[in-house]
Amino acid sequence: MAKILLVEDDAEIAKTISDWLVSEHHEVYICPNGSAGLERLKTEVFDLAVLDWELPGLNGIEICKQYRQCQGKIPILMLTGRDSIADRTTGLDTGADDYLVKPFSLKELSSRLRALLRRPAHLASGLLEFGPIKLDTVKHRLSKNGLEIQLMPRDFALLEFLMRNPDQVFS
């Protein structure tokens, strides 16, 4: 059972999704607009968030961006009617972990949510930190004490591997 925040302005869609997820033994909390959704994400603990892209006030992309800037780490699934490759990459590059185009099957939604919930927490975030070192695996940036450091791709991959596997010895 997961505690899920659903940010969806269409009451009928929100009720359908909520009823389905509750029947699968999840706790679902609905927010009808972006501002309320972002506030709840920042102040309450959830296992996962489902955000509609098109919302009154803040849209799903802005919620995702602001939440990730505040070091929010829970998985986010973006729901939208936008199905172009450019829109999908925008959603994922902004910090969403998955993207589902409307109309969709509730079974597929459940499957995607289960997959997101199975991921280890340290893999959910694209930002790895160790002391003053910050490695952004999404933007491929490394910084130490706020100063950006350039690495070759192989060096970057090695550092990422080591940071994802702390306190281990490798030959």
Protein backbone atom coordinates (compact mmCIF):
# COMPACT_ATOMS: atom_id res chain seq x y z
CA MET A 1 0.00 0.00 0.00
CA ALA A 2 1.37 3.40 -1.00
CA LYS A 3 0.41 6.92 -0.05
CA ILE A 4 -0.18 8.67 -3.39
CA LEU A 5 -0.77 12.35 -4.18
CA LEU A 6 -2.91 12.83 -7.29
CA VAL A 7 -2.90 16.35 -8.70
CA GLU A 8 -5.68 16.43 -11.30
CA ASP A 9 -8.15 19.24 -12.05
CA ASP A 10 -10.71 17.11 -13.91
CA ALA A 11 -12.93 15.83 -11.08
CA GLU A 12 -14.24 12.87 -13.09
CA ILE A 13 -10.75 11.67 -14.05
CA ALA A 14 -9.50 12.22 -10.49
CA LYS A 15 -12.37 10.17 -9.04
CA THR A 16 -11.88 7.35 -11.55
CA ILE A 17 -8.14 7.14 -10.85
CA SER A 18 -8.64 7.47 -7.10
CA ASP A 19 -11.32 4.77 -6.97
CA TRP A 20 -9.12 2.43 -8.99
CA LEU A 21 -6.04 3.00 -6.81
CA VAL A 22 -8.05 2.69 -3.58
CA SER A 23 -9.38 -0.65 -4.87
CA GLU A 24 -5.71 -1.66 -5.14
CA HIS A 25 -5.24 -0.75 -1.46
CA HIS A 26 -3.47 2.59 -1.89
CA GLU A 27 -4.19 5.79 0.05
CA VAL A 28 -4.98 8.54 -2.47
CA TYR A 29 -5.06 12.27 -1.75
CA ILE A 30 -6.45 14.51 -4.50
CA CYS A 31 -5.50 18.12 -5.18
CA PRO A 32 -7.50 19.97 -7.86
CA ASN A 33 -4.85 22.58 -8.72
CA GLY A 34 -1.10 22.98 -9.00
CA SER A 35 -0.51 25.37 -6.12
CA ALA A 36 -2.27 23.10 -3.62
CA GLY A 37 -0.45 20.08 -5.05
CA LEU A 38 2.98 21.67 -4.67
CA GLU A 39 2.18 22.78 -1.12
CA ARG A 40 1.16 19.25 -0.12
CA LEU A 41 4.26 17.77 -1.76
CA LYS A 42 6.45 20.13 0.24
CA THR A 43 4.69 19.65 3.58
CA GLU A 44 3.49 16.04 3.66
CA VAL A 45 5.11 12.67 3.11
CA PHE A 46 3.99 10.66 0.08
CA ASP A 47 5.39 7.55 -1.57
CA LEU A 48 4.57 8.76 -5.07
CA ALA A 49 2.93 11.66 -6.94
CA VAL A 50 0.80 11.59 -10.08
CA LEU A 51 0.68 15.01 -11.75
CA ASP A 52 -1.48 16.21 -14.60
CA TRP A 53 0.46 18.48 -16.96
CA GLU A 54 -2.41 20.91 -17.65
CA LEU A 55 -3.54 22.37 -14.32
CA PRO A 56 -4.93 25.71 -13.17
CA GLY A 57 -2.28 27.84 -11.47
CA LEU A 58 0.98 25.92 -11.57
CA ASN A 59 1.10 23.24 -14.25
CA GLY A 60 2.53 19.78 -13.65
CA ILE A 61 5.89 20.68 -15.19
CA GLU A 62 6.32 23.64 -12.82
CA ILE A 63 5.27 21.54 -9.81
CA CYS A 64 7.81 18.89 -10.75
CA LYS A 65 10.57 21.45 -11.36
CA GLN A 66 9.98 23.31 -8.08
CA TYR A 67 9.65 20.08 -6.08
CA ARG A 68 12.93 18.73 -7.46
CA GLN A 69 14.67 22.08 -6.76
CA CYS A 70 13.67 21.63 -3.10
CA GLN A 71 15.43 18.23 -3.15
CA GLY A 72 12.12 16.32 -3.39
CA LYS A 73 12.91 12.71 -4.16
CA ILE A 74 9.68 10.72 -4.45
CA PRO A 75 8.83 9.22 -7.85
CA ILE A 76 6.61 11.34 -10.09
CA LEU A 77 4.38 10.09 -12.89
CA MET A 78 3.24 12.77 -15.35
CA LEU A 79 -0.23 12.41 -16.93
CA THR A 80 -1.03 14.39 -20.04
CA GLY A 81 -2.77 14.52 -23.37
CA ARG A 82 0.48 15.78 -24.90
CA ASP A 83 2.07 12.95 -26.81
CA SER A 84 4.85 14.49 -28.90
CA ILE A 85 8.42 13.39 -28.34
CA ALA A 86 9.34 16.98 -27.42
CA ASP A 87 6.67 17.04 -24.69
CA ARG A 88 7.73 13.65 -23.34
CA THR A 89 11.37 14.67 -23.15
CA THR A 90 10.41 17.96 -21.48
CA GLY A 91 8.43 16.10 -18.84
CA LEU A 92 11.18 13.59 -18.14
CA ASP A 93 14.00 16.15 -18.25
CA THR A 94 12.13 18.35 -15.78
CA GLY A 95 12.25 15.57 -13.21
CA ALA A 96 9.33 13.24 -13.87
CA ASP A 97 10.21 9.56 -13.53
CA ASP A 98 7.58 8.34 -15.98
CA TYR A 99 5.08 9.75 -18.46
CA LEU A 100 1.64 8.41 -19.39
CA VAL A 101 -0.46 9.83 -22.24
CA LYS A 102 -4.24 10.21 -21.88
CA PRO A 103 -6.39 8.29 -22.56
CA PHE A 104 -4.72 5.36 -20.79
CA SER A 105 -5.61 2.02 -19.30
CA LEU A 106 -5.98 1.94 -15.52
CA LYS A 107 -4.14 -1.39 -15.57
CA GLU A 108 -1.18 0.28 -17.29
CA LEU A 109 -1.27 3.12 -14.74
CA SER A 110 -1.15 0.55 -11.91
CA SER A 111 1.71 -1.30 -13.55
CA ARG A 112 3.74 1.88 -14.01
CA LEU A 113 3.10 2.95 -10.40
CA ARG A 114 4.21 -0.47 -9.12
CA ALA A 115 7.39 -0.19 -11.20
CA LEU A 116 8.12 3.26 -9.75
CA LEU A 117 7.49 2.06 -6.21
CA ARG A 118 9.90 -0.87 -6.70
CA ARG A 119 12.83 1.40 -7.51
CA PRO A 120 15.33 1.86 -4.71
CA ALA A 121 15.20 5.40 -3.30
CA HIS A 122 18.83 6.12 -4.18
CA LEU A 123 18.05 5.48 -7.87
CA ALA A 124 14.97 7.71 -7.95
CA SER A 125 16.96 10.90 -7.72
CA GLY A 126 19.35 12.09 -10.40
CA LEU A 127 21.41 13.98 -7.82
CA LEU A 128 24.10 12.13 -5.88
CA GLU A 129 25.94 13.86 -3.05
CA PHE A 130 28.99 12.98 -1.01
CA GLY A 131 30.26 15.75 1.24
CA PRO A 132 30.97 18.79 -0.96
CA ILE A 133 30.66 16.74 -4.18
CA LYS A 134 27.39 16.87 -6.14
CA LEU A 135 26.86 14.71 -9.21
CA ASP A 136 23.80 15.43 -11.37
CA THR A 137 23.30 12.28 -13.43
CA VAL A 138 20.51 13.82 -15.50
CA LYS A 139 22.42 16.90 -16.66
CA HIS A 140 25.84 15.19 -16.46
CA ARG A 141 27.33 17.85 -14.21
CA LEU A 142 29.79 17.52 -11.38
CA SER A 143 30.48 20.21 -8.80
CA LYS A 144 32.59 20.48 -5.70
CA ASN A 145 31.89 23.31 -3.27
CA GLY A 146 29.70 24.90 -5.96
CA LEU A 147 32.42 24.93 -8.64
CA GLU A 148 31.69 22.91 -11.76
CA ILE A 149 34.24 20.28 -12.78
CA GLN A 150 34.43 18.81 -16.29
CA LEU A 151 34.88 15.05 -16.65
CA MET A 152 35.25 12.78 -19.64
CA PRO A 153 32.25 10.43 -20.10
CA ARG A 154 34.12 7.34 -18.84
CA ASP A 155 35.35 9.20 -15.74
CA PHE A 156 31.82 10.49 -15.09
CA ALA A 157 30.39 6.96 -15.36
CA LEU A 158 33.02 5.59 -12.99
CA LEU A 159 32.38 8.31 -10.42
CA GLU A 160 28.61 7.72 -10.66
CA PHE A 161 29.14 3.97 -10.13
CA LEU A 162 31.31 4.56 -7.08
CA MET A 163 28.87 7.10 -5.59
CA ARG A 164 25.94 4.71 -6.09
CA ASN A 165 27.89 1.94 -4.35
CA PRO A 166 29.47 3.58 -1.28
CA ASP A 167 31.59 1.72 1.24
CA GLN A 168 32.41 -1.09 -1.19
CA VAL A 169 35.74 -2.23 -2.59
CA PHE A 170 36.06 -3.04 -6.29
CA SER A 171 38.98 -4.51 -8.18
